[in-house]
N, C-alpha and C. Protein backbone atom coordinates (compact mmCIF):
# COMPACT_ATOMS: atom_id res chain seq x y z
N UNK A 1 102.88 115.30 184.80
CA UNK A 1 101.70 115.38 183.93
C UNK A 1 101.93 114.73 182.62
N UNK A 2 103.09 115.00 182.15
CA UNK A 2 103.44 114.40 180.86
C UNK A 2 103.47 112.89 180.97
N UNK A 3 104.02 112.39 182.15
CA UNK A 3 104.04 110.94 182.31
C UNK A 3 102.68 110.36 182.40
N UNK A 4 101.81 111.09 183.11
CA UNK A 4 100.46 110.59 183.26
C UNK A 4 99.72 110.61 181.89
N UNK A 5 100.01 111.66 181.11
CA UNK A 5 99.38 111.72 179.79
C UNK A 5 99.88 110.67 178.84
N UNK A 6 101.15 110.27 179.07
CA UNK A 6 101.74 109.23 178.22
C UNK A 6 101.12 107.89 178.49
N UNK A 7 100.73 107.65 179.72
CA UNK A 7 100.19 106.34 180.08
C UNK A 7 98.90 106.07 179.35
N UNK A 8 97.94 107.05 179.33
CA UNK A 8 96.74 106.77 178.53
C UNK A 8 97.07 106.57 177.09
N UNK A 9 98.03 107.39 176.62
CA UNK A 9 98.40 107.22 175.21
C UNK A 9 98.95 105.83 174.94
N UNK A 10 99.81 105.39 175.93
CA UNK A 10 100.38 104.03 175.77
C UNK A 10 99.29 103.00 175.76
N UNK A 11 98.28 103.17 176.66
CA UNK A 11 97.12 102.23 176.70
C UNK A 11 96.37 102.25 175.38
N UNK A 12 96.19 103.51 174.88
CA UNK A 12 95.44 103.58 173.61
C UNK A 12 96.23 102.91 172.50
N UNK A 13 97.54 103.15 172.55
CA UNK A 13 98.39 102.53 171.50
C UNK A 13 98.35 101.01 171.60
N UNK A 14 98.39 100.50 172.86
CA UNK A 14 98.32 99.06 173.01
C UNK A 14 96.98 98.53 172.52
N UNK A 15 95.92 99.28 172.80
CA UNK A 15 94.63 98.84 172.34
C UNK A 15 94.53 98.76 170.81
N UNK A 16 95.13 99.80 170.18
CA UNK A 16 95.14 99.80 168.71
C UNK A 16 95.98 98.67 168.14
N UNK A 17 97.06 98.38 168.84
CA UNK A 17 97.89 97.27 168.42
C UNK A 17 97.12 95.97 168.46
N UNK A 18 96.43 95.79 169.63
CA UNK A 18 95.65 94.55 169.75
C UNK A 18 94.49 94.49 168.75
N UNK A 19 93.93 95.67 168.53
CA UNK A 19 92.80 95.71 167.54
C UNK A 19 93.34 95.41 166.16
N UNK A 20 94.52 95.93 165.87
CA UNK A 20 95.10 95.65 164.58
C UNK A 20 95.55 94.20 164.45
N UNK A 21 95.95 93.61 165.55
CA UNK A 21 96.39 92.20 165.50
C UNK A 21 95.23 91.27 165.24
N UNK A 22 94.06 91.62 165.78
CA UNK A 22 92.91 90.73 165.61
C UNK A 22 92.44 90.58 164.17
N UNK A 23 92.34 91.69 163.42
CA UNK A 23 92.02 91.49 161.99
C UNK A 23 93.07 90.68 161.26
N UNK A 24 94.33 90.84 161.68
CA UNK A 24 95.37 90.02 161.02
C UNK A 24 95.10 88.56 161.31
N UNK A 25 94.72 88.25 162.57
CA UNK A 25 94.37 86.89 162.87
C UNK A 25 93.16 86.45 162.07
N UNK A 26 92.25 87.36 161.85
CA UNK A 26 91.07 87.03 161.10
C UNK A 26 91.45 86.74 159.65
N UNK A 27 92.29 87.61 159.14
CA UNK A 27 92.69 87.40 157.76
C UNK A 27 93.52 86.15 157.62
N UNK A 28 94.35 85.86 158.61
CA UNK A 28 95.15 84.64 158.57
C UNK A 28 94.25 83.44 158.63
N UNK A 29 93.27 83.49 159.62
CA UNK A 29 92.33 82.38 159.69
C UNK A 29 91.49 82.33 158.45
N UNK A 30 91.16 83.53 157.89
CA UNK A 30 90.39 83.53 156.66
C UNK A 30 91.17 82.97 155.52
N UNK A 31 92.47 83.31 155.44
CA UNK A 31 93.27 82.76 154.40
C UNK A 31 93.45 81.25 154.54
N UNK A 32 93.59 80.87 155.89
CA UNK A 32 93.71 79.43 156.09
C UNK A 32 92.41 78.70 155.76
N UNK A 33 91.31 79.35 155.96
CA UNK A 33 90.01 78.72 155.69
C UNK A 33 89.79 78.50 154.19
N UNK A 34 90.07 79.53 153.35
CA UNK A 34 89.97 79.28 151.93
C UNK A 34 91.00 78.23 151.49
N UNK A 35 92.18 78.24 152.11
CA UNK A 35 93.15 77.23 151.73
C UNK A 35 92.60 75.84 152.11
N UNK A 36 91.98 75.82 153.32
CA UNK A 36 91.34 74.54 153.69
C UNK A 36 90.23 74.20 152.73
N UNK A 37 89.49 75.28 152.35
CA UNK A 37 88.40 75.04 151.39
C UNK A 37 88.97 74.59 150.04
N UNK A 38 90.11 75.26 149.67
CA UNK A 38 90.72 74.85 148.43
C UNK A 38 91.27 73.42 148.52
N UNK A 39 91.74 73.08 149.74
CA UNK A 39 92.19 71.72 149.91
C UNK A 39 91.00 70.76 149.81
N UNK A 40 89.90 71.14 150.46
CA UNK A 40 88.73 70.29 150.35
C UNK A 40 88.21 70.27 148.94
N UNK A 41 88.36 71.44 148.26
CA UNK A 41 87.90 71.47 146.87
C UNK A 41 88.76 70.55 146.00
N UNK A 42 90.09 70.67 146.25
CA UNK A 42 90.93 69.81 145.48
C UNK A 42 90.76 68.35 145.87
N UNK A 43 90.45 68.17 147.16
CA UNK A 43 90.17 66.81 147.59
C UNK A 43 88.86 66.32 147.02
N UNK A 44 87.91 67.30 147.02
CA UNK A 44 86.62 66.92 146.42
C UNK A 44 86.71 66.69 144.96
N UNK A 45 87.67 67.47 144.37
CA UNK A 45 87.82 67.33 142.93
C UNK A 45 88.17 65.91 142.53
N UNK A 46 89.32 65.40 143.06
CA UNK A 46 89.67 64.02 142.67
C UNK A 46 88.78 62.96 143.22
N UNK A 47 88.04 63.29 144.35
CA UNK A 47 87.21 62.27 144.94
C UNK A 47 86.13 61.78 143.95
N UNK A 48 85.42 62.70 143.25
CA UNK A 48 84.47 62.15 142.25
C UNK A 48 85.17 61.38 141.19
N UNK A 49 86.36 61.80 140.82
CA UNK A 49 87.10 61.05 139.81
C UNK A 49 87.43 59.68 140.29
N UNK A 50 87.97 59.62 141.57
CA UNK A 50 88.29 58.32 142.10
C UNK A 50 87.06 57.47 142.31
N UNK A 51 85.95 58.19 142.73
CA UNK A 51 84.73 57.41 142.91
C UNK A 51 84.12 57.02 141.58
N UNK A 52 84.35 57.87 140.57
CA UNK A 52 83.81 57.52 139.26
C UNK A 52 84.72 56.60 138.51
N UNK A 53 86.03 56.64 138.89
CA UNK A 53 86.94 55.77 138.18
C UNK A 53 86.62 54.30 138.32
N UNK A 54 86.17 53.82 139.54
CA UNK A 54 85.77 52.43 139.61
C UNK A 54 84.60 52.14 138.69
N UNK A 55 83.64 53.12 138.67
CA UNK A 55 82.50 52.88 137.82
C UNK A 55 82.91 52.91 136.38
N UNK A 56 83.83 53.85 136.07
CA UNK A 56 84.32 53.86 134.68
C UNK A 56 85.08 52.63 134.36
N UNK A 57 85.88 52.19 135.33
CA UNK A 57 86.61 50.95 135.10
C UNK A 57 85.66 49.75 134.98
N UNK A 58 84.62 49.76 135.83
CA UNK A 58 83.69 48.69 135.75
C UNK A 58 82.88 48.74 134.50
N UNK A 59 82.66 50.01 134.04
CA UNK A 59 81.87 50.17 132.81
C UNK A 59 82.70 49.93 131.57
N UNK A 60 84.03 50.05 131.70
CA UNK A 60 84.88 49.87 130.54
C UNK A 60 84.77 48.48 129.93
N UNK A 61 84.75 47.38 130.76
CA UNK A 61 84.60 46.09 130.11
C UNK A 61 83.31 45.94 129.36
N UNK A 62 82.24 46.51 129.94
CA UNK A 62 80.95 46.40 129.27
C UNK A 62 80.93 47.20 127.97
N UNK A 63 81.65 48.35 127.99
CA UNK A 63 81.68 49.16 126.81
C UNK A 63 82.70 48.61 125.79
N UNK A 64 83.77 48.02 126.33
CA UNK A 64 84.77 47.53 125.37
C UNK A 64 84.43 46.17 124.85
N UNK A 65 83.60 45.40 125.60
CA UNK A 65 83.31 44.06 125.16
C UNK A 65 82.51 44.03 123.88
N UNK A 66 81.48 44.92 123.69
CA UNK A 66 80.74 44.81 122.43
C UNK A 66 81.61 45.08 121.20
N UNK A 67 82.54 46.12 121.22
CA UNK A 67 83.37 46.26 120.03
C UNK A 67 84.23 45.01 119.77
N UNK A 68 84.79 44.44 120.87
CA UNK A 68 85.57 43.27 120.62
C UNK A 68 84.70 42.12 120.09
N UNK A 69 83.45 42.12 120.57
CA UNK A 69 82.54 41.04 120.08
C UNK A 69 82.19 41.31 118.61
N UNK A 70 81.96 42.63 118.29
CA UNK A 70 81.65 42.92 116.92
C UNK A 70 82.83 42.62 115.99
N UNK A 71 84.06 42.96 116.55
CA UNK A 71 85.24 42.67 115.75
C UNK A 71 85.40 41.19 115.53
N UNK A 72 85.21 40.45 116.65
CA UNK A 72 85.35 39.02 116.51
C UNK A 72 84.30 38.47 115.59
N UNK A 73 83.00 39.02 115.81
CA UNK A 73 81.97 38.52 114.90
C UNK A 73 82.18 39.00 113.51
N UNK A 74 82.74 40.34 113.45
CA UNK A 74 83.01 40.81 112.11
C UNK A 74 84.12 39.96 111.46
N UNK A 75 85.16 39.61 112.19
CA UNK A 75 86.22 38.78 111.66
C UNK A 75 85.69 37.39 111.32
N UNK A 76 84.87 36.87 112.22
CA UNK A 76 84.31 35.56 111.93
C UNK A 76 83.51 35.58 110.66
N UNK A 77 82.65 36.59 110.39
CA UNK A 77 81.80 36.64 109.21
C UNK A 77 82.62 36.83 107.95
N UNK A 78 83.82 37.44 108.09
CA UNK A 78 84.65 37.61 106.90
C UNK A 78 85.44 36.34 106.59
N UNK A 79 85.78 35.59 107.65
CA UNK A 79 86.57 34.38 107.42
C UNK A 79 85.77 33.29 106.74
N UNK A 80 84.50 33.18 107.14
CA UNK A 80 83.73 32.09 106.59
C UNK A 80 83.55 32.18 105.05
N UNK A 81 83.18 33.34 104.49
CA UNK A 81 83.06 33.43 103.06
C UNK A 81 84.37 33.14 102.33
N UNK A 82 85.51 33.65 102.91
CA UNK A 82 86.80 33.42 102.25
C UNK A 82 87.15 31.92 102.24
N UNK A 83 86.84 31.25 103.33
CA UNK A 83 87.09 29.82 103.30
C UNK A 83 86.24 29.13 102.25
N UNK A 84 85.02 29.59 102.13
CA UNK A 84 84.15 28.96 101.14
C UNK A 84 84.62 29.29 99.75
N UNK A 85 85.09 30.54 99.53
CA UNK A 85 85.51 30.94 98.22
C UNK A 85 86.81 30.31 97.79
N UNK A 86 87.70 30.08 98.74
CA UNK A 86 88.96 29.44 98.40
C UNK A 86 88.78 27.98 98.09
N UNK A 87 87.78 27.34 98.67
CA UNK A 87 87.57 25.93 98.40
C UNK A 87 86.81 25.68 97.11
N UNK A 88 86.08 26.66 96.64
CA UNK A 88 85.36 26.46 95.41
C UNK A 88 85.01 27.80 94.81
N UNK A 89 84.58 27.82 93.57
CA UNK A 89 84.29 29.04 92.89
C UNK A 89 82.82 29.44 93.12
N UNK A 90 82.48 30.58 92.56
CA UNK A 90 81.11 31.06 92.77
C UNK A 90 80.08 30.18 92.05
N UNK A 91 80.50 29.38 91.03
CA UNK A 91 79.56 28.51 90.36
C UNK A 91 79.01 27.43 91.23
N UNK A 92 79.57 27.26 92.40
CA UNK A 92 79.06 26.25 93.34
C UNK A 92 77.61 26.52 93.72
N UNK A 93 77.26 27.79 93.80
CA UNK A 93 75.92 28.12 94.31
C UNK A 93 74.84 28.07 93.24
N UNK A 94 75.19 27.58 92.06
CA UNK A 94 74.19 27.45 91.03
C UNK A 94 73.29 26.22 91.26
N UNK A 95 73.68 25.35 92.16
CA UNK A 95 72.90 24.18 92.52
C UNK A 95 72.70 24.09 94.03
N UNK A 96 71.72 23.35 94.45
CA UNK A 96 71.37 23.32 95.87
C UNK A 96 72.32 22.46 96.67
N UNK A 97 72.95 21.45 96.06
CA UNK A 97 73.80 20.52 96.78
C UNK A 97 75.14 20.40 96.07
N UNK A 98 76.15 20.06 96.88
CA UNK A 98 77.44 19.75 96.32
C UNK A 98 77.61 18.29 96.02
N UNK A 99 77.00 17.48 96.85
CA UNK A 99 77.17 16.01 96.72
C UNK A 99 75.80 15.32 96.91
N UNK A 100 75.53 14.34 96.08
CA UNK A 100 74.40 13.43 96.31
C UNK A 100 74.98 12.05 96.55
N UNK A 101 74.70 11.46 97.67
CA UNK A 101 75.28 10.16 98.02
C UNK A 101 74.22 9.06 97.69
N UNK A 102 74.64 8.17 96.84
CA UNK A 102 73.77 7.06 96.44
C UNK A 102 74.30 5.79 97.13
N UNK A 103 73.41 5.07 97.78
CA UNK A 103 73.82 3.95 98.58
C UNK A 103 72.66 2.97 98.73
N UNK A 104 72.98 1.78 99.17
CA UNK A 104 71.94 0.79 99.43
C UNK A 104 71.35 1.01 100.85
N UNK A 105 70.23 0.37 101.08
CA UNK A 105 69.60 0.55 102.36
C UNK A 105 70.41 -0.02 103.51
N UNK A 106 71.08 -1.14 103.24
CA UNK A 106 71.90 -1.76 104.30
C UNK A 106 73.20 -0.98 104.56
N UNK A 107 73.53 -0.04 103.71
CA UNK A 107 74.73 0.75 103.90
C UNK A 107 74.41 2.16 104.39
N UNK A 108 73.23 2.31 104.99
CA UNK A 108 72.81 3.66 105.46
C UNK A 108 73.76 4.20 106.48
N UNK A 109 74.23 3.39 107.41
CA UNK A 109 75.12 3.87 108.44
C UNK A 109 76.42 4.43 107.87
N UNK A 110 76.98 3.67 106.91
CA UNK A 110 78.17 4.13 106.27
C UNK A 110 77.97 5.43 105.48
N UNK A 111 76.81 5.54 104.84
CA UNK A 111 76.49 6.74 104.10
C UNK A 111 76.33 7.94 105.06
N UNK A 112 75.73 7.71 106.18
CA UNK A 112 75.58 8.76 107.17
C UNK A 112 76.95 9.24 107.70
N UNK A 113 77.89 8.31 107.88
CA UNK A 113 79.21 8.66 108.35
C UNK A 113 79.93 9.51 107.28
N UNK A 114 79.76 9.15 106.02
CA UNK A 114 80.39 9.90 104.92
C UNK A 114 79.81 11.29 104.87
N UNK A 115 78.48 11.39 104.94
CA UNK A 115 77.83 12.71 104.88
C UNK A 115 78.26 13.56 106.06
N UNK A 116 78.35 13.00 107.25
CA UNK A 116 78.80 13.76 108.41
C UNK A 116 80.23 14.25 108.21
N UNK A 117 81.04 13.42 107.63
CA UNK A 117 82.44 13.83 107.39
C UNK A 117 82.53 14.97 106.39
N UNK A 118 81.78 14.89 105.34
CA UNK A 118 81.82 15.90 104.29
C UNK A 118 81.22 17.28 104.79
N UNK A 119 80.13 17.16 105.48
CA UNK A 119 79.51 18.37 105.98
C UNK A 119 80.28 19.03 107.07
N UNK A 120 81.04 18.25 107.85
CA UNK A 120 81.80 18.80 108.96
C UNK A 120 83.17 19.23 108.55
N UNK A 121 83.56 19.09 107.30
CA UNK A 121 84.89 19.50 106.82
C UNK A 121 84.93 21.03 106.75
N UNK A 122 86.14 21.53 106.51
CA UNK A 122 86.34 23.01 106.43
C UNK A 122 85.57 23.60 105.25
N UNK A 123 85.36 22.82 104.19
CA UNK A 123 84.64 23.31 103.02
C UNK A 123 83.14 23.33 103.23
N UNK A 124 82.64 22.64 104.30
CA UNK A 124 81.22 22.60 104.65
C UNK A 124 80.39 22.18 103.41
N UNK A 125 80.71 21.03 102.89
CA UNK A 125 80.05 20.57 101.69
C UNK A 125 78.57 20.29 102.00
N UNK A 126 77.74 20.63 101.03
CA UNK A 126 76.28 20.42 101.20
C UNK A 126 75.91 19.05 100.58
N UNK A 127 75.39 18.19 101.38
CA UNK A 127 75.17 16.80 100.94
C UNK A 127 73.66 16.50 100.89
N UNK A 128 73.28 15.67 99.96
CA UNK A 128 71.90 15.13 99.89
C UNK A 128 71.95 13.68 100.25
N UNK A 129 71.19 13.37 101.27
CA UNK A 129 70.99 12.00 101.73
C UNK A 129 69.55 11.64 101.60
N UNK A 130 69.25 10.61 100.87
CA UNK A 130 67.86 10.38 100.43
C UNK A 130 66.90 10.30 101.60
N UNK A 131 67.16 9.41 102.57
CA UNK A 131 66.21 9.24 103.68
C UNK A 131 66.12 10.48 104.57
N UNK A 132 67.09 11.34 104.51
CA UNK A 132 67.09 12.54 105.33
C UNK A 132 66.50 13.73 104.65
N UNK A 133 66.80 13.89 103.35
CA UNK A 133 66.55 15.15 102.66
C UNK A 133 65.45 15.04 101.60
N UNK A 134 64.94 13.86 101.34
CA UNK A 134 63.86 13.68 100.39
C UNK A 134 62.57 14.27 100.93
N UNK A 135 61.75 14.85 100.04
CA UNK A 135 60.50 15.46 100.44
C UNK A 135 59.49 14.37 100.86
N UNK A 136 58.95 14.45 102.05
CA UNK A 136 57.96 13.44 102.43
C UNK A 136 56.76 13.46 101.50
N UNK A 137 56.34 12.31 101.04
CA UNK A 137 55.22 12.20 100.11
C UNK A 137 55.61 12.29 98.66
N UNK A 138 56.89 12.63 98.38
CA UNK A 138 57.33 12.70 97.00
C UNK A 138 57.58 11.37 96.40
N UNK A 139 57.48 11.27 95.11
CA UNK A 139 57.78 9.97 94.42
C UNK A 139 59.29 9.68 94.50
N UNK A 140 59.59 8.42 94.76
CA UNK A 140 60.99 8.03 94.98
C UNK A 140 61.86 8.33 93.74
N UNK A 141 61.37 7.97 92.61
CA UNK A 141 62.14 8.16 91.36
C UNK A 141 62.30 9.65 91.11
N UNK A 142 61.21 10.40 91.28
CA UNK A 142 61.29 11.85 91.01
C UNK A 142 62.20 12.55 92.01
N UNK A 143 62.18 12.11 93.27
CA UNK A 143 63.11 12.71 94.26
C UNK A 143 64.54 12.40 93.92
N UNK A 144 64.82 11.18 93.45
CA UNK A 144 66.19 10.85 93.06
C UNK A 144 66.65 11.66 91.87
N UNK A 145 65.84 11.77 90.85
CA UNK A 145 66.21 12.54 89.69
C UNK A 145 66.42 14.02 90.03
N UNK A 146 65.56 14.54 90.90
CA UNK A 146 65.70 15.92 91.33
C UNK A 146 66.95 16.13 92.13
N UNK A 147 67.28 15.16 92.97
CA UNK A 147 68.51 15.28 93.78
C UNK A 147 69.75 15.23 92.90
N UNK A 148 69.76 14.33 91.95
CA UNK A 148 70.92 14.23 91.05
C UNK A 148 71.11 15.48 90.21
N UNK A 149 70.05 16.02 89.70
CA UNK A 149 70.13 17.23 88.91
C UNK A 149 70.47 18.46 89.72
N UNK A 150 70.17 18.42 91.05
CA UNK A 150 70.44 19.57 91.91
C UNK A 150 71.78 19.46 92.62
N UNK A 151 72.57 18.43 92.26
CA UNK A 151 73.88 18.23 92.94
C UNK A 151 74.97 18.31 91.91
N UNK A 152 76.11 18.86 92.30
CA UNK A 152 77.23 18.94 91.39
C UNK A 152 77.92 17.61 91.23
N UNK A 153 78.08 16.85 92.31
CA UNK A 153 78.81 15.58 92.31
C UNK A 153 77.89 14.49 92.80
N UNK A 154 78.19 13.25 92.31
CA UNK A 154 77.42 12.07 92.72
C UNK A 154 78.39 11.02 93.22
N UNK A 155 78.26 10.72 94.50
CA UNK A 155 79.12 9.70 95.12
C UNK A 155 78.34 8.40 95.18
N UNK A 156 78.91 7.36 94.59
CA UNK A 156 78.29 6.01 94.58
C UNK A 156 79.02 5.17 95.61
N UNK A 157 78.31 4.80 96.66
CA UNK A 157 78.89 3.93 97.72
C UNK A 157 78.68 2.48 97.26
N UNK A 158 79.70 1.97 96.57
CA UNK A 158 79.57 0.68 95.97
C UNK A 158 80.08 -0.42 96.96
N UNK A 159 79.13 -1.24 97.36
CA UNK A 159 79.37 -2.35 98.31
C UNK A 159 78.70 -3.61 97.76
N UNK A 160 78.90 -4.73 98.43
CA UNK A 160 78.14 -5.92 97.98
C UNK A 160 76.64 -5.70 98.03
N UNK A 161 76.18 -4.94 99.03
CA UNK A 161 74.74 -4.64 99.09
C UNK A 161 74.31 -3.75 97.95
N UNK A 162 75.18 -2.87 97.50
CA UNK A 162 74.87 -1.97 96.36
C UNK A 162 74.69 -2.80 95.11
N UNK A 163 75.53 -3.77 94.90
CA UNK A 163 75.47 -4.57 93.68
C UNK A 163 74.26 -5.50 93.69
N UNK A 164 73.78 -5.87 94.86
CA UNK A 164 72.64 -6.78 94.93
C UNK A 164 71.30 -6.05 94.74
N UNK A 165 71.31 -4.77 94.90
CA UNK A 165 70.05 -3.98 94.93
C UNK A 165 69.78 -3.39 93.53
N UNK A 166 68.67 -3.80 92.87
CA UNK A 166 68.38 -3.24 91.54
C UNK A 166 68.15 -1.74 91.60
N UNK A 167 67.62 -1.26 92.71
CA UNK A 167 67.41 0.18 92.85
C UNK A 167 68.70 0.97 92.85
N UNK A 168 69.75 0.37 93.41
CA UNK A 168 71.07 1.02 93.42
C UNK A 168 71.65 1.09 92.04
N UNK A 169 71.43 0.04 91.23
CA UNK A 169 71.89 0.05 89.86
C UNK A 169 71.17 1.13 89.10
N UNK A 170 69.92 1.34 89.37
CA UNK A 170 69.19 2.41 88.73
C UNK A 170 69.77 3.77 89.12
N UNK A 171 70.11 3.92 90.39
CA UNK A 171 70.75 5.17 90.83
C UNK A 171 72.06 5.41 90.07
N UNK A 172 72.84 4.35 89.92
CA UNK A 172 74.15 4.48 89.23
C UNK A 172 73.96 4.89 87.76
N UNK A 173 73.04 4.24 87.07
CA UNK A 173 72.79 4.58 85.68
C UNK A 173 72.23 6.00 85.52
N UNK A 174 71.35 6.36 86.48
CA UNK A 174 70.77 7.71 86.42
C UNK A 174 71.87 8.76 86.66
N UNK A 175 72.80 8.46 87.57
CA UNK A 175 73.88 9.43 87.85
C UNK A 175 74.78 9.56 86.63
N UNK A 176 75.07 8.49 85.94
CA UNK A 176 75.88 8.56 84.73
C UNK A 176 75.16 9.29 83.61
N UNK A 177 73.84 9.11 83.56
CA UNK A 177 73.06 9.81 82.51
C UNK A 177 72.94 11.28 82.81
N UNK A 178 72.91 11.65 84.05
CA UNK A 178 72.74 13.03 84.40
C UNK A 178 73.91 13.88 83.93
N UNK A 179 75.13 13.38 84.02
CA UNK A 179 76.30 14.16 83.59
C UNK A 179 77.27 13.19 82.89
N UNK A 180 76.98 12.81 81.64
CA UNK A 180 77.76 11.82 80.98
C UNK A 180 79.16 12.33 80.58
N UNK A 181 79.30 13.62 80.30
CA UNK A 181 80.57 14.14 79.84
C UNK A 181 81.29 14.90 80.91
N UNK A 182 80.79 14.97 82.13
CA UNK A 182 81.44 15.73 83.23
C UNK A 182 82.45 14.88 83.91
N UNK A 183 83.69 15.15 83.65
CA UNK A 183 84.77 14.36 84.25
C UNK A 183 84.94 14.74 85.73
N UNK A 184 84.94 13.78 86.58
CA UNK A 184 85.08 14.00 88.01
C UNK A 184 83.76 14.24 88.71
N UNK A 185 82.65 14.26 87.97
CA UNK A 185 81.33 14.53 88.60
C UNK A 185 80.87 13.32 89.37
N UNK A 186 81.02 12.09 88.83
CA UNK A 186 80.63 10.84 89.48
C UNK A 186 81.87 10.24 90.16
N UNK A 187 81.75 10.01 91.45
CA UNK A 187 82.89 9.54 92.22
C UNK A 187 82.51 8.18 92.85
N UNK A 188 83.04 7.08 92.35
CA UNK A 188 82.72 5.76 92.97
C UNK A 188 83.61 5.52 94.21
N UNK A 189 82.97 5.10 95.27
CA UNK A 189 83.69 4.73 96.50
C UNK A 189 83.39 3.23 96.71
N UNK A 190 84.41 2.41 96.46
CA UNK A 190 84.18 0.98 96.56
C UNK A 190 84.69 0.45 97.88
N UNK A 191 83.87 -0.29 98.55
CA UNK A 191 84.21 -0.85 99.85
C UNK A 191 83.74 -2.26 99.97
N UNK A 192 84.61 -3.14 100.45
CA UNK A 192 84.27 -4.52 100.66
C UNK A 192 84.20 -5.35 99.38
N UNK A 193 84.81 -4.86 98.29
CA UNK A 193 84.79 -5.56 97.03
C UNK A 193 86.19 -5.62 96.44
N UNK A 194 86.42 -6.60 95.60
CA UNK A 194 87.67 -6.65 94.85
C UNK A 194 87.51 -5.93 93.55
N UNK A 195 88.61 -5.70 92.87
CA UNK A 195 88.54 -4.99 91.59
C UNK A 195 87.76 -5.77 90.55
N UNK A 196 87.76 -7.08 90.65
CA UNK A 196 87.02 -7.88 89.70
C UNK A 196 85.53 -7.68 89.79
N UNK A 197 85.07 -7.29 90.99
CA UNK A 197 83.63 -7.03 91.18
C UNK A 197 83.22 -5.60 90.84
N UNK A 198 84.15 -4.82 90.37
CA UNK A 198 83.82 -3.42 90.03
C UNK A 198 82.85 -3.42 88.87
N UNK A 199 81.78 -2.64 88.95
CA UNK A 199 80.73 -2.63 87.92
C UNK A 199 81.32 -2.28 86.56
N UNK A 200 80.93 -2.98 85.52
CA UNK A 200 81.48 -2.72 84.18
C UNK A 200 81.04 -1.34 83.67
N UNK A 201 79.92 -0.81 84.18
CA UNK A 201 79.49 0.52 83.72
C UNK A 201 80.44 1.60 84.18
N UNK A 202 81.31 1.29 85.18
CA UNK A 202 82.20 2.31 85.70
C UNK A 202 83.66 2.01 85.40
N UNK A 203 83.92 1.08 84.47
CA UNK A 203 85.28 0.69 84.20
C UNK A 203 86.13 1.85 83.58
N UNK A 204 85.42 2.82 82.99
CA UNK A 204 86.17 3.90 82.34
C UNK A 204 86.58 5.03 83.30
N UNK A 205 86.28 4.87 84.58
CA UNK A 205 86.68 5.90 85.55
C UNK A 205 87.31 5.26 86.76
N UNK A 206 88.21 6.02 87.41
CA UNK A 206 88.86 5.54 88.60
C UNK A 206 87.89 5.56 89.79
N UNK A 207 88.18 4.73 90.74
CA UNK A 207 87.34 4.69 91.97
C UNK A 207 88.24 4.95 93.20
N UNK A 208 87.57 5.29 94.30
CA UNK A 208 88.25 5.51 95.58
C UNK A 208 88.20 4.21 96.34
N UNK A 209 89.35 3.73 96.80
CA UNK A 209 89.43 2.52 97.55
C UNK A 209 89.03 2.80 99.02
N UNK A 210 87.97 2.15 99.48
CA UNK A 210 87.51 2.35 100.82
C UNK A 210 88.11 1.47 101.86
N UNK A 211 89.23 0.77 101.54
CA UNK A 211 89.85 -0.09 102.49
C UNK A 211 90.85 0.62 103.38
N UNK A 212 91.01 1.94 103.17
CA UNK A 212 91.95 2.69 103.98
C UNK A 212 91.47 2.95 105.40
N UNK A 213 92.29 3.65 106.14
CA UNK A 213 91.96 3.88 107.57
C UNK A 213 90.74 4.74 107.71
N UNK A 214 90.60 5.71 106.81
CA UNK A 214 89.41 6.62 106.90
C UNK A 214 88.30 6.21 105.98
N UNK A 215 88.39 5.01 105.39
CA UNK A 215 87.30 4.54 104.53
C UNK A 215 87.23 5.26 103.18
N UNK A 216 88.31 6.00 102.84
CA UNK A 216 88.34 6.73 101.58
C UNK A 216 87.63 8.04 101.63
N UNK A 217 87.18 8.46 102.82
CA UNK A 217 86.44 9.70 102.95
C UNK A 217 87.24 10.94 102.54
N UNK A 218 88.51 10.95 102.89
CA UNK A 218 89.35 12.09 102.55
C UNK A 218 89.50 12.25 101.04
N UNK A 219 89.69 11.16 100.35
CA UNK A 219 89.85 11.22 98.89
C UNK A 219 88.57 11.68 98.22
N UNK A 220 87.46 11.24 98.79
CA UNK A 220 86.18 11.67 98.24
C UNK A 220 86.01 13.17 98.43
N UNK A 221 86.33 13.67 99.58
CA UNK A 221 86.22 15.11 99.84
C UNK A 221 87.13 15.91 98.90
N UNK A 222 88.35 15.47 98.73
CA UNK A 222 89.28 16.21 97.86
C UNK A 222 88.80 16.13 96.42
N UNK A 223 88.22 15.04 95.99
CA UNK A 223 87.72 14.93 94.62
C UNK A 223 86.54 15.90 94.40
N UNK A 224 85.66 16.01 95.40
CA UNK A 224 84.52 16.94 95.31
C UNK A 224 85.02 18.37 95.24
N UNK A 225 85.98 18.72 96.08
CA UNK A 225 86.50 20.10 96.09
C UNK A 225 87.18 20.43 94.78
N UNK A 226 87.94 19.50 94.25
CA UNK A 226 88.60 19.73 92.95
C UNK A 226 87.60 19.96 91.85
N UNK A 227 86.51 19.20 91.86
CA UNK A 227 85.49 19.41 90.85
C UNK A 227 84.78 20.79 91.01
N UNK A 228 84.51 21.15 92.25
CA UNK A 228 83.87 22.45 92.47
C UNK A 228 84.76 23.62 92.07
N UNK A 229 86.06 23.46 92.18
CA UNK A 229 86.97 24.53 91.75
C UNK A 229 86.97 24.70 90.26
N UNK A 230 86.55 23.72 89.51
CA UNK A 230 86.54 23.87 88.05
C UNK A 230 85.31 24.61 87.55
N UNK A 231 84.32 24.86 88.43
CA UNK A 231 83.11 25.53 88.06
C UNK A 231 83.39 27.02 87.87
N UNK A 232 82.71 27.61 86.92
CA UNK A 232 82.92 29.03 86.68
C UNK A 232 81.66 29.83 87.12
């Protein structure tokens, strides 16, 4: 009887053991499921970062480019005034032009080359060229006088055509009258002439010889810059 009673007990014990084992399996599977969930969560965590990292990387150039542009533009805007200030003083801006080029009609091409050289230099000299900058409809004499008075320096492009033209002689005399005591204000550039043909009105000042490789343009530019540096 005892053996028979033990058998049901053993069956009941086995049933409880199996019943107890199942929740353990549930808890194990449950623990594994949160771990899987945690893995997916951790996987999902970096996934948005990795997915957003390309966008952030792609957006970084667009975000970083404007500051670099501003810096470059900022640097560019600061360099230009310093270059201007080192080449001349603040008195430069008291007049509209740095140079007024006086020339004959047949020397227009040479005058244009000189103006292009001066304006394209690092100093960015402001030039007045009669046929380009004169006011349409204005009186020729009035425009010349206004240009001379509005320019710091006067470059006289003295050539055989300049000496033959009475209007050019008037320009020369007007330039000398405009600033009679300003040393270095009037800059003669003589080309295609000998020293004997140098105008007597200019014998008291040195001239730039235009027979060089650059036509004397560099010396003219340096003379203008030196004069502008004397302004206060």
